[in-house]
PDB file of N, CA and C in Angstrom:
ATOM      1  N   MET A   1       2.429 -11.655   5.635  1.00  0.00           N
ATOM      2  CA  MET A   1       2.699 -10.251   5.788  1.00  0.00           C
ATOM      3  C   MET A   1       1.492  -9.436   5.291  1.00  0.00           C
ATOM      4  N   LYS A   2       0.914  -9.856   4.159  1.00  0.00           N
ATOM      5  CA  LYS A   2      -0.244  -9.130   3.632  1.00  0.00           C
ATOM      6  C   LYS A   2      -1.389  -9.140   4.634  1.00  0.00           C
ATOM      7  N   ARG A   3      -1.642 -10.288   5.227  1.00  0.00           N
ATOM      8  CA  ARG A   3      -2.729 -10.382   6.206  1.00  0.00           C
ATOM      9  C   ARG A   3      -2.485  -9.458   7.393  1.00  0.00           C
ATOM     10  N   ALA A   4      -1.262  -9.423   7.886  1.00  0.00           N
ATOM     11  CA  ALA A   4      -0.931  -8.555   9.022  1.00  0.00           C
ATOM     12  C   ALA A   4      -1.135  -7.087   8.664  1.00  0.00           C
ATOM     13  N   LEU A   5      -0.717  -6.689   7.458  1.00  0.00           N
ATOM     14  CA  LEU A   5      -0.895  -5.297   7.036  1.00  0.00           C
ATOM     15  C   LEU A   5      -2.376  -4.962   6.834  1.00  0.00           C
ATOM     16  N   LEU A   6      -3.148  -5.914   6.302  1.00  0.00           N
ATOM     17  CA  LEU A   6      -4.590  -5.687   6.138  1.00  0.00           C
ATOM     18  C   LEU A   6      -5.278  -5.508   7.488  1.00  0.00           C
ATOM     19  N   ILE A   7      -4.883  -6.311   8.463  1.00  0.00           N
ATOM     20  CA  ILE A   7      -5.465  -6.189   9.806  1.00  0.00           C
ATOM     21  C   ILE A   7      -5.097  -4.836  10.404  1.00  0.00           C
ATOM     22  N   GLU A   8      -3.828  -4.463  10.296  1.00  0.00           N
ATOM     23  CA  GLU A   8      -3.366  -3.182  10.835  1.00  0.00           C
ATOM     24  C   GLU A   8      -4.107  -2.011  10.184  1.00  0.00           C
ATOM     25  N   ALA A   9      -4.355  -2.112   8.885  1.00  0.00           N
ATOM     26  CA  ALA A   9      -5.024  -1.040   8.143  1.00  0.00           C
ATOM     27  C   ALA A   9      -6.557  -1.156   8.206  1.00  0.00           C
ATOM     28  N   ARG A  10      -7.035  -2.174   8.920  1.00  0.00           N
ATOM     29  CA  ARG A  10      -8.485  -2.435   9.001  1.00  0.00           C
ATOM     30  C   ARG A  10      -9.096  -2.591   7.612  1.00  0.00           C
ATOM     31  N   ALA A  11      -8.318  -3.212   6.730  1.00  0.00           N
ATOM     32  CA  ALA A  11      -8.742  -3.518   5.360  1.00  0.00           C
ATOM     33  C   ALA A  11      -9.224  -2.277   4.614  1.00  0.00           C
ATOM     34  N   ARG A  12      -8.483  -1.179   4.797  1.00  0.00           N
ATOM     35  CA  ARG A  12      -8.810   0.075   4.104  1.00  0.00           C
ATOM     36  C   ARG A  12      -7.541   0.664   3.505  1.00  0.00           C
ATOM     37  N   CYS A  13      -7.708   1.359   2.409  1.00  0.00           N
ATOM     38  CA  CYS A  13      -6.589   2.056   1.768  1.00  0.00           C
ATOM     39  C   CYS A  13      -6.036   3.107   2.737  1.00  0.00           C
ATOM     40  N   ARG A  14      -4.742   3.271   2.719  1.00  0.00           N
ATOM     41  CA  ARG A  14      -4.080   4.219   3.621  1.00  0.00           C
ATOM     42  C   ARG A  14      -4.410   5.679   3.299  1.00  0.00           C
ATOM     43  N   ILE A  15      -4.801   5.968   2.075  1.00  0.00           N
ATOM     44  CA  ILE A  15      -5.084   7.342   1.671  1.00  0.00           C
ATOM     45  C   ILE A  15      -6.381   7.813   2.338  1.00  0.00           C
ATOM     46  N   ARG A  16      -6.279   8.893   3.078  1.00  0.00           N
ATOM     47  CA  ARG A  16      -7.425   9.436   3.820  1.00  0.00           C
ATOM     48  C   ARG A  16      -8.600   9.720   2.882  1.00  0.00           C
ATOM     49  N   GLY A  17      -9.768   9.253   3.284  1.00  0.00           N
ATOM     50  CA  GLY A  17     -10.983   9.498   2.522  1.00  0.00           C
ATOM     51  C   GLY A  17     -11.238   8.487   1.409  1.00  0.00           C
ATOM     52  N   CYS A  18     -10.308   7.608   1.152  1.00  0.00           N
ATOM     53  CA  CYS A  18     -10.491   6.614   0.099  1.00  0.00           C
ATOM     54  C   CYS A  18     -11.411   5.508   0.611  1.00  0.00           C
ATOM     55  N   ASP A  19     -12.404   5.172  -0.167  1.00  0.00           N
ATOM     56  CA  ASP A  19     -13.329   4.101   0.232  1.00  0.00           C
ATOM     57  C   ASP A  19     -13.313   2.967  -0.801  1.00  0.00           C
ATOM     58  N   ALA A  20     -12.125   2.655  -1.273  1.00  0.00           N
ATOM     59  CA  ALA A  20     -11.950   1.622  -2.297  1.00  0.00           C
ATOM     60  C   ALA A  20     -12.474   0.277  -1.814  1.00  0.00           C
ATOM     61  N   LEU A  21     -12.953  -0.502  -2.751  1.00  0.00           N
ATOM     62  CA  LEU A  21     -13.431  -1.838  -2.457  1.00  0.00           C
ATOM     63  C   LEU A  21     -12.282  -2.752  -2.037  1.00  0.00           C
ATOM     64  N   TYR A  22     -12.587  -3.730  -1.193  1.00  0.00           N
ATOM     65  CA  TYR A  22     -11.575  -4.641  -0.653  1.00  0.00           C
ATOM     66  C   TYR A  22     -10.724  -5.276  -1.755  1.00  0.00           C
ATOM     67  N   HIS A  23     -11.358  -5.708  -2.838  1.00  0.00           N
ATOM     68  CA  HIS A  23     -10.603  -6.424  -3.876  1.00  0.00           C
ATOM     69  C   HIS A  23      -9.654  -5.506  -4.657  1.00  0.00           C
ATOM     70  N   TRP A  24      -9.692  -4.211  -4.430  1.00  0.00           N
ATOM     71  CA  TRP A  24      -8.737  -3.288  -5.048  1.00  0.00           C
ATOM     72  C   TRP A  24      -7.478  -3.110  -4.211  1.00  0.00           C
ATOM     73  N   LEU A  25      -7.491  -3.590  -2.958  1.00  0.00           N
ATOM     74  CA  LEU A  25      -6.377  -3.334  -2.047  1.00  0.00           C
ATOM     75  C   LEU A  25      -5.141  -4.143  -2.402  1.00  0.00           C
ATOM     76  N   GLN A  26      -3.993  -3.498  -2.249  1.00  0.00           N
ATOM     77  CA  GLN A  26      -2.700  -4.098  -2.553  1.00  0.00           C
ATOM     78  C   GLN A  26      -1.707  -3.763  -1.449  1.00  0.00           C
ATOM     79  N   VAL A  27      -0.731  -4.635  -1.298  1.00  0.00           N
ATOM     80  CA  VAL A  27       0.386  -4.341  -0.400  1.00  0.00           C
ATOM     81  C   VAL A  27       1.405  -3.538  -1.197  1.00  0.00           C
ATOM     82  N   ASP A  28       1.930  -2.496  -0.588  1.00  0.00           N
ATOM     83  CA  ASP A  28       2.861  -1.607  -1.258  1.00  0.00           C
ATOM     84  C   ASP A  28       4.050  -1.336  -0.347  1.00  0.00           C
ATOM     85  N   HIS A  29       5.207  -1.125  -0.951  1.00  0.00           N
ATOM     86  CA  HIS A  29       6.390  -0.694  -0.195  1.00  0.00           C
ATOM     87  C   HIS A  29       6.299   0.820   0.022  1.00  0.00           C
ATOM     88  N   VAL A  30       6.491   1.286   1.251  1.00  0.00           N
ATOM     89  CA  VAL A  30       6.542   2.723   1.523  1.00  0.00           C
ATOM     90  C   VAL A  30       7.754   3.303   0.801  1.00  0.00           C
ATOM     91  N   GLU A  31       8.931   2.755   1.083  1.00  0.00           N
ATOM     92  CA  GLU A  31      10.151   3.081   0.330  1.00  0.00           C
ATOM     93  C   GLU A  31      10.242   2.031  -0.774  1.00  0.00           C
ATOM     94  N   PRO A  32      10.200   2.419  -2.033  1.00  0.00           N
ATOM     95  CA  PRO A  32      10.146   1.451  -3.124  1.00  0.00           C
ATOM     96  C   PRO A  32      11.240   0.393  -3.066  1.00  0.00           C
ATOM     97  N   HIS A  33      10.846  -0.823  -3.376  1.00  0.00           N
ATOM     98  CA  HIS A  33      11.785  -1.936  -3.411  1.00  0.00           C
ATOM     99  C   HIS A  33      12.889  -1.656  -4.425  1.00  0.00           C
ATOM    100  N   SER A  34      12.534  -1.019  -5.532  1.00  0.00           N
ATOM    101  CA  SER A  34      13.516  -0.703  -6.575  1.00  0.00           C
ATOM    102  C   SER A  34      14.579   0.286  -6.117  1.00  0.00           C
ATOM    103  N   LYS A  35      14.295   0.990  -5.023  1.00  0.00           N
ATOM    104  CA  LYS A  35      15.267   1.948  -4.473  1.00  0.00           C
ATOM    105  C   LYS A  35      15.868   1.444  -3.166  1.00  0.00           C
ATOM    106  N   GLY A  36      15.788   0.122  -2.951  1.00  0.00           N
ATOM    107  CA  GLY A  36      16.421  -0.472  -1.785  1.00  0.00           C
ATOM    108  C   GLY A  36      15.511  -0.660  -0.583  1.00  0.00           C
ATOM    109  N   GLY A  37      14.238  -0.346  -0.720  1.00  0.00           N
ATOM    110  CA  GLY A  37      13.307  -0.516   0.391  1.00  0.00           C
ATOM    111  C   GLY A  37      13.112  -1.985   0.718  1.00  0.00           C
ATOM    112  N   PRO A  38      13.206  -2.339   1.989  1.00  0.00           N
ATOM    113  CA  PRO A  38      13.069  -3.746   2.366  1.00  0.00           C
ATOM    114  C   PRO A  38      11.617  -4.222   2.300  1.00  0.00           C
ATOM    115  N   THR A  39      11.462  -5.513   2.093  1.00  0.00           N
ATOM    116  CA  THR A  39      10.146  -6.128   2.177  1.00  0.00           C
ATOM    117  C   THR A  39       9.958  -6.517   3.639  1.00  0.00           C
ATOM    118  N   SER A  40       9.242  -5.667   4.362  1.00  0.00           N
ATOM    119  CA  SER A  40       9.040  -5.872   5.796  1.00  0.00           C
ATOM    120  C   SER A  40       7.739  -5.206   6.216  1.00  0.00           C
ATOM    121  N   LEU A  41       7.240  -5.588   7.388  1.00  0.00           N
ATOM    122  CA  LEU A  41       6.022  -4.961   7.914  1.00  0.00           C
ATOM    123  C   LEU A  41       6.220  -3.469   8.113  1.00  0.00           C
ATOM    124  N   ALA A  42       7.392  -3.089   8.580  1.00  0.00           N
ATOM    125  CA  ALA A  42       7.659  -1.671   8.847  1.00  0.00           C
ATOM    126  C   ALA A  42       7.676  -0.830   7.568  1.00  0.00           C
ATOM    127  N   ASN A  43       7.976  -1.451   6.439  1.00  0.00           N
ATOM    128  CA  ASN A  43       8.039  -0.726   5.176  1.00  0.00           C
ATOM    129  C   ASN A  43       6.842  -1.053   4.276  1.00  0.00           C
ATOM    130  N   GLY A  44       5.813  -1.636   4.851  1.00  0.00           N
ATOM    131  CA  GLY A  44       4.642  -1.999   4.074  1.00  0.00           C
ATOM    132  C   GLY A  44       3.453  -1.126   4.387  1.00  0.00           C
ATOM    133  N   GLN A  45       2.549  -1.021   3.424  1.00  0.00           N
ATOM    134  CA  GLN A  45       1.300  -0.298   3.621  1.00  0.00           C
ATOM    135  C   GLN A  45       0.261  -0.878   2.672  1.00  0.00           C
ATOM    136  N   ILE A  46      -0.989  -0.592   2.947  1.00  0.00           N
ATOM    137  CA  ILE A  46      -2.083  -1.022   2.091  1.00  0.00           C
ATOM    138  C   ILE A  46      -2.571   0.180   1.289  1.00  0.00           C
ATOM    139  N   LEU A  47      -2.577   0.025  -0.026  1.00  0.00           N
ATOM    140  CA  LEU A  47      -3.122   1.037  -0.919  1.00  0.00           C
ATOM    141  C   LEU A  47      -4.075   0.356  -1.896  1.00  0.00           C
ATOM    142  N   CYS A  48      -5.058   1.098  -2.375  1.00  0.00           N
ATOM    143  CA  CYS A  48      -5.908   0.564  -3.432  1.00  0.00           C
ATOM    144  C   CYS A  48      -5.144   0.684  -4.748  1.00  0.00           C
ATOM    145  N   ASP A  49      -5.582  -0.028  -5.752  1.00  0.00           N
ATOM    146  CA  ASP A  49      -4.906  -0.015  -7.042  1.00  0.00           C
ATOM    147  C   ASP A  49      -4.769   1.396  -7.617  1.00  0.00           C
ATOM    148  N   PRO A  50      -5.846   2.215  -7.666  1.00  0.00           N
ATOM    149  CA  PRO A  50      -5.680   3.565  -8.224  1.00  0.00           C
ATOM    150  C   PRO A  50      -4.689   4.433  -7.445  1.00  0.00           C
ATOM    151  N   ASP A  51      -4.722   4.382  -6.120  1.00  0.00           N
ATOM    152  CA  ASP A  51      -3.791   5.195  -5.331  1.00  0.00           C
ATOM    153  C   ASP A  51      -2.358   4.687  -5.459  1.00  0.00           C
ATOM    154  N   ASN A  52      -2.187   3.378  -5.595  1.00  0.00           N
ATOM    155  CA  ASN A  52      -0.856   2.818  -5.789  1.00  0.00           C
ATOM    156  C   ASN A  52      -0.296   3.265  -7.135  1.00  0.00           C
ATOM    157  N   LYS A  53      -1.108   3.265  -8.178  1.00  0.00           N
ATOM    158  CA  LYS A  53      -0.651   3.739  -9.490  1.00  0.00           C
ATOM    159  C   LYS A  53      -0.320   5.226  -9.444  1.00  0.00           C
ATOM    160  N   TRP A  54      -1.134   6.005  -8.730  1.00  0.00           N
ATOM    161  CA  TRP A  54      -0.877   7.448  -8.575  1.00  0.00           C
ATOM    162  C   TRP A  54       0.462   7.664  -7.898  1.00  0.00           C
ATOM    163  N   LYS A  55       0.731   6.894  -6.838  1.00  0.00           N
ATOM    164  CA  LYS A  55       2.000   7.015  -6.121  1.00  0.00           C
ATOM    165  C   LYS A  55       3.173   6.665  -7.034  1.00  0.00           C
ATOM    166  N   ARG A  56       3.039   5.621  -7.822  1.00  0.00           N
ATOM    167  CA  ARG A  56       4.121   5.232  -8.743  1.00  0.00           C
ATOM    168  C   ARG A  56       4.395   6.338  -9.754  1.00  0.00           C
ATOM    169  N   ASP A  57       3.322   6.989 -10.227  1.00  0.00           N
ATOM    170  CA  ASP A  57       3.495   8.074 -11.185  1.00  0.00           C
ATOM    171  C   ASP A  57       4.256   9.248 -10.578  1.00  0.00           C
ATOM    172  N   LEU A  58       4.061   9.502  -9.282  1.00  0.00           N
ATOM    173  CA  LEU A  58       4.767  10.594  -8.608  1.00  0.00           C
ATOM    174  C   LEU A  58       6.252  10.294  -8.451  1.00  0.00           C
ATOM    175  N   VAL A  59       6.565   9.021  -8.171  1.00  0.00           N
ATOM    176  CA  VAL A  59       7.948   8.608  -7.921  1.00  0.00           C
ATOM    177  C   VAL A  59       8.741   8.553  -9.212  1.00  0.00           C
ATOM    178  N   ALA A  60       8.088   8.159 -10.292  1.00  0.00           N
ATOM    179  CA  ALA A  60       8.791   7.941 -11.578  1.00  0.00           C
ATOM    180  C   ALA A  60       9.304   9.208 -12.185  1.00  0.00           C
TER     181      ALA A  60
END
Protein backbone atom coordinates (compact mmCIF):
# COMPACT_ATOMS: atom_id res chain seq x y z
CA MET A 1 0.00 0.00 0.00
CA LYS A 2 2.85 2.39 0.85
CA ARG A 3 4.47 1.81 -2.53
CA ALA A 4 1.20 2.46 -4.36
CA LEU A 5 0.65 5.71 -2.44
CA LEU A 6 4.25 6.82 -3.09
CA ILE A 7 3.81 6.19 -6.81
CA GLU A 8 0.50 8.06 -6.86
CA ALA A 9 2.07 11.00 -4.99
CA ARG A 10 5.21 10.86 -7.17
CA ALA A 11 7.20 10.44 -3.96
CA ARG A 12 6.33 13.94 -2.74
CA CYS A 13 4.56 15.26 0.33
CA ARG A 14 0.92 16.10 -0.33
CA ILE A 15 1.28 19.60 1.14
CA ARG A 16 1.64 22.10 -1.71
CA GLY A 17 5.10 23.63 -1.92
CA CYS A 18 6.71 21.11 0.43
CA ASP A 19 10.02 19.81 -0.87
CA ALA A 20 10.76 17.36 1.94
CA LEU A 21 13.41 14.73 1.42
CA TYR A 22 12.26 11.23 0.42
CA HIS A 23 13.33 9.66 3.72
CA TRP A 24 10.98 12.03 5.61
CA LEU A 25 7.89 10.72 3.78
CA GLN A 26 5.27 8.74 5.68
CA VAL A 27 1.97 7.11 4.91
CA ASP A 28 -0.86 8.84 6.75
CA HIS A 29 -4.59 8.25 7.18
CA VAL A 30 -6.68 11.12 5.75
CA GLU A 31 -9.42 10.29 8.28
CA PRO A 32 -7.50 9.25 11.41
CA HIS A 33 -7.46 5.56 12.24
CA SER A 34 -8.22 6.49 15.86
CA LYS A 35 -11.50 8.01 14.68
CA GLY A 36 -12.54 5.01 12.61
CA GLY A 37 -10.71 5.81 9.38
CA PRO A 38 -9.99 2.66 7.39
CA THR A 39 -6.53 1.56 6.35
CA SER A 40 -7.05 1.72 2.60
CA LEU A 41 -5.64 3.38 -0.51
CA ALA A 42 -8.65 5.69 -0.64
CA ASN A 43 -7.97 6.91 2.90
CA GLY A 44 -4.20 7.12 2.54
CA GLN A 45 -1.87 9.97 1.68
CA ILE A 46 1.83 10.74 1.73
CA LEU A 47 3.03 13.42 4.14
CA CYS A 48 6.50 14.33 5.34
CA ASP A 49 7.22 13.91 9.03
CA PRO A 50 6.93 17.65 9.90
CA ASP A 51 3.63 18.08 8.03
CA ASN A 52 2.24 14.87 9.55
CA LYS A 53 3.09 16.14 13.05
CA TRP A 54 1.51 19.52 12.21
CA LYS A 55 -1.67 17.74 11.08
CA ARG A 56 -1.79 15.67 14.28
CA ASP A 57 -1.45 18.84 16.35
CA LEU A 58 -4.46 20.36 14.55
CA VAL A 59 -6.63 17.28 15.12
CA ALA A 60 -5.72 16.84 18.80
